[in-house]
Amino acid sequence: MSETLTADMRTLVLILDLAGTFVFALAGATAGARRHLDVFGVLVLAFAAACSGGIARDVLMGATPPAAIVDWRYLATSLVAGIIVFRWHAAIERLEDPVRMFDAGGLALFAVAGAQKALAFDLNPVMAALFGMLTGIGGGVVRDVLLAQVPLVLRSDLYAVAALGGAAVVVLGDQFGAPPGPAALCGATFCFVLRVMAIKRGWQLPKAFKQPPQNPEQPSSRKDSQQ
């Protein structure tokens, strides 16, 4: 990989990261405002939701200290998003399911950004796709844990699968020599559309079979009939 391409890749990852940071911060702050948190709580939740996935990705890849900690733009972006939500929460709530829509956008952007950064660090294709998925779902997990609820990734329709799919598109594009920009756009679009369609149509992965409750009166009634 040439130095020019590496510089272009870093710029692309930064743009995707900051865009994902803003959208995920909107989702985190909106979720906090719904729980009637004060301004500090909303801003903390915005930063945690926006940056946790990227921090986990960078730590596991050895890109330390993580970009979200050393680069002031990540903090500033998440705080701006948090302030916007705190100030205009009522208007944002009039949108159709804003938390899920913002979350789907952040998921798509972070999934492709994580995959692109993993590829820039010369990780193998499988791990690059998994790191993209981790980047996408990490912020949502931390947000939900801070709000004391089961993480969306464990109870929602095609959440991690959508992130993995978007990251896989980026990885496949890299394997076939596609330019990073169009590959990232295709991956983000695929992830976002799949997630939104899953929300709208209720698409879900198979769940564990639940044994129907046994009627306690059934054995006794059967015994009486035999007598």
C-alpha atoms as a PDB file:
ATOM      1  CA  MET A   1       0.000   0.000   0.000  1.00  0.00           C
ATOM      2  CA  SER A   2       1.509   3.291  -1.088  1.00  0.00           C
ATOM      3  CA  GLU A   3       1.886   6.279   1.216  1.00  0.00           C
ATOM      4  CA  THR A   4      -0.536   8.295  -0.929  1.00  0.00           C
ATOM      5  CA  LEU A   5      -3.189   5.617  -0.631  1.00  0.00           C
ATOM      6  CA  THR A   6      -2.535   5.374   3.094  1.00  0.00           C
ATOM      7  CA  ALA A   7      -3.075   9.123   3.460  1.00  0.00           C
ATOM      8  CA  ASP A   8      -6.282   8.909   1.426  1.00  0.00           C
ATOM      9  CA  MET A   9      -7.455   5.999   3.549  1.00  0.00           C
ATOM     10  CA  ARG A  10      -6.784   7.941   6.742  1.00  0.00           C
ATOM     11  CA  THR A  11      -8.770  10.882   5.433  1.00  0.00           C
ATOM     12  CA  LEU A  12     -11.664   8.625   4.443  1.00  0.00           C
ATOM     13  CA  VAL A  13     -11.676   6.874   7.818  1.00  0.00           C
ATOM     14  CA  LEU A  14     -11.621  10.239   9.625  1.00  0.00           C
ATOM     15  CA  ILE A  15     -14.569  11.554   7.596  1.00  0.00           C
ATOM     16  CA  LEU A  16     -16.585   8.366   8.162  1.00  0.00           C
ATOM     17  CA  ASP A  17     -15.647   8.310  11.843  1.00  0.00           C
ATOM     18  CA  LEU A  18     -16.694  11.916  12.461  1.00  0.00           C
ATOM     19  CA  ALA A  19     -19.929  11.487  10.505  1.00  0.00           C
ATOM     20  CA  GLY A  20     -20.713   8.323  12.458  1.00  0.00           C
ATOM     21  CA  THR A  21     -19.775  10.063  15.694  1.00  0.00           C
ATOM     22  CA  PHE A  22     -22.277  12.847  15.020  1.00  0.00           C
ATOM     23  CA  VAL A  23     -25.147  10.536  14.055  1.00  0.00           C
ATOM     24  CA  PHE A  24     -24.549   8.071  16.896  1.00  0.00           C
ATOM     25  CA  ALA A  25     -24.262  10.971  19.342  1.00  0.00           C
ATOM     26  CA  LEU A  26     -27.689  12.153  18.156  1.00  0.00           C
ATOM     27  CA  ALA A  27     -29.097   8.690  18.865  1.00  0.00           C
ATOM     28  CA  GLY A  28     -27.458   8.484  22.293  1.00  0.00           C
ATOM     29  CA  ALA A  29     -28.513  11.974  23.309  1.00  0.00           C
ATOM     30  CA  THR A  30     -32.093  11.387  22.121  1.00  0.00           C
ATOM     31  CA  ALA A  31     -32.279   8.186  24.158  1.00  0.00           C
ATOM     32  CA  GLY A  32     -30.985  10.105  27.192  1.00  0.00           C
ATOM     33  CA  ALA A  33     -33.463  12.946  26.694  1.00  0.00           C
ATOM     34  CA  ARG A  34     -36.290  10.398  26.587  1.00  0.00           C
ATOM     35  CA  ARG A  35     -35.185   9.238  30.037  1.00  0.00           C
ATOM     36  CA  HIS A  36     -35.321  12.862  31.246  1.00  0.00           C
ATOM     37  CA  LEU A  37     -31.587  13.110  31.970  1.00  0.00           C
ATOM     38  CA  ASP A  38     -30.109  16.514  32.717  1.00  0.00           C
ATOM     39  CA  VAL A  39     -27.811  18.274  30.258  1.00  0.00           C
ATOM     40  CA  PHE A  40     -24.684  16.614  31.685  1.00  0.00           C
ATOM     41  CA  GLY A  41     -26.237  13.169  31.444  1.00  0.00           C
ATOM     42  CA  VAL A  42     -27.339  13.782  27.851  1.00  0.00           C
ATOM     43  CA  LEU A  43     -23.836  14.914  26.841  1.00  0.00           C
ATOM     44  CA  VAL A  44     -22.172  11.965  28.588  1.00  0.00           C
ATOM     45  CA  LEU A  45     -24.514   9.558  26.844  1.00  0.00           C
ATOM     46  CA  ALA A  46     -23.885  11.263  23.501  1.00  0.00           C
ATOM     47  CA  PHE A  47     -20.115  10.836  23.843  1.00  0.00           C
ATOM     48  CA  ALA A  48     -20.341   7.266  25.143  1.00  0.00           C
ATOM     49  CA  ALA A  49     -22.663   6.174  22.336  1.00  0.00           C
ATOM     50  CA  ALA A  50     -20.614   7.947  19.686  1.00  0.00           C
ATOM     51  CA  CYS A  51     -17.088   6.931  20.644  1.00  0.00           C
ATOM     52  CA  SER A  52     -17.170   3.600  22.505  1.00  0.00           C
ATOM     53  CA  GLY A  53     -17.145   1.467  19.358  1.00  0.00           C
ATOM     54  CA  GLY A  54     -14.210   3.320  17.856  1.00  0.00           C
ATOM     55  CA  ILE A  55     -12.258   3.197  21.116  1.00  0.00           C
ATOM     56  CA  ALA A  56     -12.772  -0.563  21.398  1.00  0.00           C
ATOM     57  CA  ARG A  57     -11.680  -1.011  17.773  1.00  0.00           C
ATOM     58  CA  ASP A  58      -8.516   1.053  18.185  1.00  0.00           C
ATOM     59  CA  VAL A  59      -7.504  -0.640  21.440  1.00  0.00           C
ATOM     60  CA  LEU A  60      -7.915  -4.136  19.971  1.00  0.00           C
ATOM     61  CA  MET A  61      -6.018  -3.181  16.808  1.00  0.00           C
ATOM     62  CA  GLY A  62      -3.189  -1.588  18.778  1.00  0.00           C
ATOM     63  CA  ALA A  63      -3.907   1.901  17.441  1.00  0.00           C
ATOM     64  CA  THR A  64      -3.314   3.484  20.821  1.00  0.00           C
ATOM     65  CA  PRO A  65      -4.099   5.915  22.230  1.00  0.00           C
ATOM     66  CA  PRO A  66      -7.501   5.723  20.493  1.00  0.00           C
ATOM     67  CA  ALA A  67      -8.354   8.470  18.022  1.00  0.00           C
ATOM     68  CA  ALA A  68     -11.496   9.433  19.952  1.00  0.00           C
ATOM     69  CA  ILE A  69      -9.337  10.294  22.975  1.00  0.00           C
ATOM     70  CA  VAL A  70      -6.422  12.133  21.368  1.00  0.00           C
ATOM     71  CA  ASP A  71      -8.351  13.998  18.651  1.00  0.00           C
ATOM     72  CA  TRP A  72     -10.484  16.831  20.043  1.00  0.00           C
ATOM     73  CA  ARG A  73     -12.791  16.700  17.021  1.00  0.00           C
ATOM     74  CA  TYR A  74     -14.484  13.528  18.253  1.00  0.00           C
ATOM     75  CA  LEU A  75     -15.385  15.063  21.596  1.00  0.00           C
ATOM     76  CA  ALA A  76     -16.463  18.322  19.980  1.00  0.00           C
ATOM     77  CA  THR A  77     -18.635  16.525  17.425  1.00  0.00           C
ATOM     78  CA  SER A  78     -20.409  14.444  20.061  1.00  0.00           C
ATOM     79  CA  LEU A  79     -20.961  17.472  22.319  1.00  0.00           C
ATOM     80  CA  VAL A  80     -22.425  19.523  19.465  1.00  0.00           C
ATOM     81  CA  ALA A  81     -24.826  16.691  18.649  1.00  0.00           C
ATOM     82  CA  GLY A  82     -25.766  16.363  22.316  1.00  0.00           C
ATOM     83  CA  ILE A  83     -26.469  20.092  22.641  1.00  0.00           C
ATOM     84  CA  ILE A  84     -28.606  20.041  19.485  1.00  0.00           C
ATOM     85  CA  VAL A  85     -30.714  17.222  20.897  1.00  0.00           C
ATOM     86  CA  PHE A  86     -31.012  18.829  24.336  1.00  0.00           C
ATOM     87  CA  ARG A  87     -32.097  22.143  22.829  1.00  0.00           C
ATOM     88  CA  TRP A  88     -34.472  20.811  20.161  1.00  0.00           C
ATOM     89  CA  HIS A  89     -35.518  17.478  21.616  1.00  0.00           C
ATOM     90  CA  ALA A  90     -39.233  18.123  21.099  1.00  0.00           C
ATOM     91  CA  ALA A  91     -38.753  18.807  17.384  1.00  0.00           C
ATOM     92  CA  ILE A  92     -36.529  15.747  16.936  1.00  0.00           C
ATOM     93  CA  GLU A  93     -39.096  13.529  18.632  1.00  0.00           C
ATOM     94  CA  ARG A  94     -41.626  14.483  15.971  1.00  0.00           C
ATOM     95  CA  LEU A  95     -39.528  12.549  13.464  1.00  0.00           C
ATOM     96  CA  GLU A  96     -40.435   8.928  12.810  1.00  0.00           C
ATOM     97  CA  ASP A  97     -38.633   6.856  15.447  1.00  0.00           C
ATOM     98  CA  PRO A  98     -35.555   9.154  15.606  1.00  0.00           C
ATOM     99  CA  VAL A  99     -33.422   6.956  17.866  1.00  0.00           C
ATOM    100  CA  ARG A 100     -33.631   3.961  15.533  1.00  0.00           C
ATOM    101  CA  MET A 101     -33.069   6.052  12.390  1.00  0.00           C
ATOM    102  CA  PHE A 102     -30.053   7.873  13.849  1.00  0.00           C
ATOM    103  CA  ASP A 103     -28.805   4.551  15.185  1.00  0.00           C
ATOM    104  CA  ALA A 104     -29.108   2.935  11.742  1.00  0.00           C
ATOM    105  CA  GLY A 105     -27.139   5.784  10.179  1.00  0.00           C
ATOM    106  CA  GLY A 106     -24.397   5.603  12.789  1.00  0.00           C
ATOM    107  CA  LEU A 107     -24.282   1.827  12.494  1.00  0.00           C
ATOM    108  CA  ALA A 108     -23.724   2.070   8.732  1.00  0.00           C
ATOM    109  CA  LEU A 109     -21.033   4.739   8.935  1.00  0.00           C
ATOM    110  CA  PHE A 110     -19.111   3.101  11.761  1.00  0.00           C
ATOM    111  CA  ALA A 111     -19.282  -0.365  10.188  1.00  0.00           C
ATOM    112  CA  VAL A 112     -17.573   0.816   7.011  1.00  0.00           C
ATOM    113  CA  ALA A 113     -15.153   3.086   8.895  1.00  0.00           C
ATOM    114  CA  GLY A 114     -14.082   0.202  11.135  1.00  0.00           C
ATOM    115  CA  ALA A 115     -13.577  -2.098   8.158  1.00  0.00           C
ATOM    116  CA  GLN A 116     -11.596   0.549   6.275  1.00  0.00           C
ATOM    117  CA  LYS A 117      -9.317   1.194   9.239  1.00  0.00           C
ATOM    118  CA  ALA A 118      -8.771  -2.520   9.787  1.00  0.00           C
ATOM    119  CA  LEU A 119      -7.799  -2.897   6.130  1.00  0.00           C
ATOM    120  CA  ALA A 120      -5.417   0.072   6.463  1.00  0.00           C
ATOM    121  CA  PHE A 121      -3.751  -1.846   9.324  1.00  0.00           C
ATOM    122  CA  ASP A 122      -3.369  -4.847   6.986  1.00  0.00           C
ATOM    123  CA  LEU A 123      -5.704  -7.144   8.900  1.00  0.00           C
ATOM    124  CA  ASN A 124      -7.003 -10.174   7.034  1.00  0.00           C
ATOM    125  CA  PRO A 125     -10.413  -9.798   5.328  1.00  0.00           C
ATOM    126  CA  VAL A 126     -12.376 -11.818   7.900  1.00  0.00           C
ATOM    127  CA  MET A 127     -11.017  -9.859  10.843  1.00  0.00           C
ATOM    128  CA  ALA A 128     -11.514  -6.567   8.983  1.00  0.00           C
ATOM    129  CA  ALA A 129     -15.207  -7.369   8.562  1.00  0.00           C
ATOM    130  CA  LEU A 130     -15.518  -8.347  12.230  1.00  0.00           C
ATOM    131  CA  PHE A 131     -13.788  -5.156  13.345  1.00  0.00           C
ATOM    132  CA  GLY A 132     -16.237  -3.196  11.207  1.00  0.00           C
ATOM    133  CA  MET A 133     -19.120  -4.917  12.964  1.00  0.00           C
ATOM    134  CA  LEU A 134     -17.559  -4.252  16.389  1.00  0.00           C
ATOM    135  CA  THR A 135     -17.139  -0.571  15.590  1.00  0.00           C
ATOM    136  CA  GLY A 136     -20.766  -0.354  14.538  1.00  0.00           C
ATOM    137  CA  ILE A 137     -22.370  -2.092  17.502  1.00  0.00           C
ATOM    138  CA  GLY A 138     -20.045  -0.953  20.313  1.00  0.00           C
ATOM    139  CA  GLY A 139     -21.562   2.481  20.903  1.00  0.00           C
ATOM    140  CA  GLY A 140     -25.112   1.164  20.994  1.00  0.00           C
ATOM    141  CA  VAL A 141     -24.169  -1.489  23.541  1.00  0.00           C
ATOM    142  CA  VAL A 142     -22.597   1.059  25.912  1.00  0.00           C
ATOM    143  CA  ARG A 143     -25.538   3.437  25.468  1.00  0.00           C
ATOM    144  CA  ASP A 144     -28.066   0.753  26.375  1.00  0.00           C
ATOM    145  CA  VAL A 145     -26.012  -0.498  29.328  1.00  0.00           C
ATOM    146  CA  LEU A 146     -25.800   3.039  30.745  1.00  0.00           C
ATOM    147  CA  LEU A 147     -29.581   3.282  30.397  1.00  0.00           C
ATOM    148  CA  ALA A 148     -29.987  -0.052  32.239  1.00  0.00           C
ATOM    149  CA  GLN A 149     -31.655  -1.881  29.364  1.00  0.00           C
ATOM    150  CA  VAL A 150     -30.839  -4.970  27.314  1.00  0.00           C
ATOM    151  CA  PRO A 151     -28.528  -3.876  24.462  1.00  0.00           C
ATOM    152  CA  LEU A 152     -30.292  -3.439  21.144  1.00  0.00           C
ATOM    153  CA  VAL A 153     -27.866  -5.819  19.460  1.00  0.00           C
ATOM    154  CA  LEU A 154     -29.166  -8.696  21.624  1.00  0.00           C
ATOM    155  CA  ARG A 155     -32.864  -8.086  21.082  1.00  0.00           C
ATOM    156  CA  SER A 156     -33.280  -6.329  17.767  1.00  0.00           C
ATOM    157  CA  ASP A 157     -33.919  -7.401  14.221  1.00  0.00           C
ATOM    158  CA  LEU A 158     -30.783  -7.737  12.074  1.00  0.00           C
ATOM    159  CA  TYR A 159     -28.593  -5.252  13.974  1.00  0.00           C
ATOM    160  CA  ALA A 160     -25.163  -6.858  14.132  1.00  0.00           C
ATOM    161  CA  VAL A 161     -25.912  -8.727  10.895  1.00  0.00           C
ATOM    162  CA  ALA A 162     -26.511  -5.423   9.088  1.00  0.00           C
ATOM    163  CA  ALA A 163     -23.204  -4.034  10.400  1.00  0.00           C
ATOM    164  CA  LEU A 164     -21.371  -7.197   9.377  1.00  0.00           C
ATOM    165  CA  GLY A 165     -22.958  -7.044   5.929  1.00  0.00           C
ATOM    166  CA  GLY A 166     -21.899  -3.444   5.365  1.00  0.00           C
ATOM    167  CA  ALA A 167     -18.356  -4.187   6.522  1.00  0.00           C
ATOM    168  CA  ALA A 168     -18.236  -7.266   4.274  1.00  0.00           C
ATOM    169  CA  VAL A 169     -19.126  -5.139   1.250  1.00  0.00           C
ATOM    170  CA  VAL A 170     -16.152  -2.884   2.012  1.00  0.00           C
ATOM    171  CA  VAL A 171     -13.839  -5.867   2.416  1.00  0.00           C
ATOM    172  CA  LEU A 172     -15.038  -7.467  -0.818  1.00  0.00           C
ATOM    173  CA  GLY A 173     -14.533  -4.179  -2.625  1.00  0.00           C
ATOM    174  CA  ASP A 174     -10.962  -4.055  -1.354  1.00  0.00           C
ATOM    175  CA  GLN A 175     -10.349  -7.650  -2.455  1.00  0.00           C
ATOM    176  CA  PHE A 176     -11.548  -6.856  -5.982  1.00  0.00           C
ATOM    177  CA  GLY A 177      -9.565  -3.628  -6.188  1.00  0.00           C
ATOM    178  CA  ALA A 178     -12.476  -1.176  -5.935  1.00  0.00           C
ATOM    179  CA  PRO A 179     -11.645   2.404  -4.848  1.00  0.00           C
ATOM    180  CA  PRO A 180     -12.148   2.905  -1.079  1.00  0.00           C
ATOM    181  CA  GLY A 181     -14.673   5.721  -1.458  1.00  0.00           C
ATOM    182  CA  PRO A 182     -17.250   3.928  -3.635  1.00  0.00           C
ATOM    183  CA  ALA A 183     -16.761   0.725  -1.626  1.00  0.00           C
ATOM    184  CA  ALA A 184     -17.499   2.603   1.604  1.00  0.00           C
ATOM    185  CA  LEU A 185     -20.571   4.234   0.052  1.00  0.00           C
ATOM    186  CA  CYS A 186     -21.920   0.870  -1.143  1.00  0.00           C
ATOM    187  CA  GLY A 187     -21.220  -0.753   2.236  1.00  0.00           C
ATOM    188  CA  ALA A 188     -22.882   2.033   4.213  1.00  0.00           C
ATOM    189  CA  THR A 189     -25.909   2.030   1.907  1.00  0.00           C
ATOM    190  CA  PHE A 190     -26.281  -1.739   2.177  1.00  0.00           C
ATOM    191  CA  CYS A 191     -26.065  -1.664   5.972  1.00  0.00           C
ATOM    192  CA  PHE A 192     -28.485   1.244   6.359  1.00  0.00           C
ATOM    193  CA  VAL A 193     -31.090  -0.135   3.942  1.00  0.00           C
ATOM    194  CA  LEU A 194     -30.943  -3.602   5.497  1.00  0.00           C
ATOM    195  CA  ARG A 195     -31.332  -2.178   9.005  1.00  0.00           C
ATOM    196  CA  VAL A 196     -34.217   0.113   8.052  1.00  0.00           C
ATOM    197  CA  MET A 197     -35.994  -2.665   6.167  1.00  0.00           C
ATOM    198  CA  ALA A 198     -35.599  -4.932   9.188  1.00  0.00           C
ATOM    199  CA  ILE A 199     -37.172  -2.234  11.382  1.00  0.00           C
ATOM    200  CA  LYS A 200     -40.043  -1.583   8.988  1.00  0.00           C
ATOM    201  CA  ARG A 201     -40.815  -5.210   8.131  1.00  0.00           C
ATOM    202  CA  GLY A 202     -39.884  -6.846  11.424  1.00  0.00           C
ATOM    203  CA  TRP A 203     -37.195  -9.106   9.951  1.00  0.00           C
ATOM    204  CA  GLN A 204     -35.534 -11.158  12.684  1.00  0.00           C
ATOM    205  CA  LEU A 205     -33.072 -13.975  13.077  1.00  0.00           C
ATOM    206  CA  PRO A 206     -34.444 -17.325  14.298  1.00  0.00           C
ATOM    207  CA  LYS A 207     -35.028 -17.450  18.037  1.00  0.00           C
ATOM    208  CA  ALA A 208     -34.801 -20.347  20.455  1.00  0.00           C
ATOM    209  CA  PHE A 209     -37.911 -22.531  20.465  1.00  0.00           C
ATOM    210  CA  LYS A 210     -40.060 -21.871  23.487  1.00  0.00           C
ATOM    211  CA  GLN A 211     -41.691 -24.951  25.002  1.00  0.00           C
ATOM    212  CA  PRO A 212     -45.443 -24.348  25.415  1.00  0.00           C
ATOM    213  CA  PRO A 213     -46.587 -24.464  29.058  1.00  0.00           C
ATOM    214  CA  GLN A 214     -48.112 -27.748  30.084  1.00  0.00           C
ATOM    215  CA  ASN A 215     -51.663 -27.719  31.380  1.00  0.00           C
ATOM    216  CA  PRO A 216     -51.473 -29.153  34.914  1.00  0.00           C
ATOM    217  CA  GLU A 217     -55.057 -30.367  34.715  1.00  0.00           C
ATOM    218  CA  GLN A 218     -54.446 -32.389  31.570  1.00  0.00           C
ATOM    219  CA  PRO A 219     -52.845 -35.521  33.167  1.00  0.00           C
ATOM    220  CA  SER A 220     -55.527 -35.795  35.850  1.00  0.00           C
ATOM    221  CA  SER A 221     -58.371 -35.403  33.353  1.00  0.00           C
ATOM    222  CA  ARG A 222     -56.788 -38.059  31.135  1.00  0.00           C
ATOM    223  CA  LYS A 223     -56.503 -40.398  34.129  1.00  0.00           C
ATOM    224  CA  ASP A 224     -60.151 -39.822  35.045  1.00  0.00           C
ATOM    225  CA  SER A 225     -61.228 -40.647  31.538  1.00  0.00           C
ATOM    226  CA  GLN A 226     -59.324 -43.926  31.639  1.00  0.00           C
ATOM    227  CA  GLN A 227     -61.098 -44.901  34.867  1.00  0.00           C
END
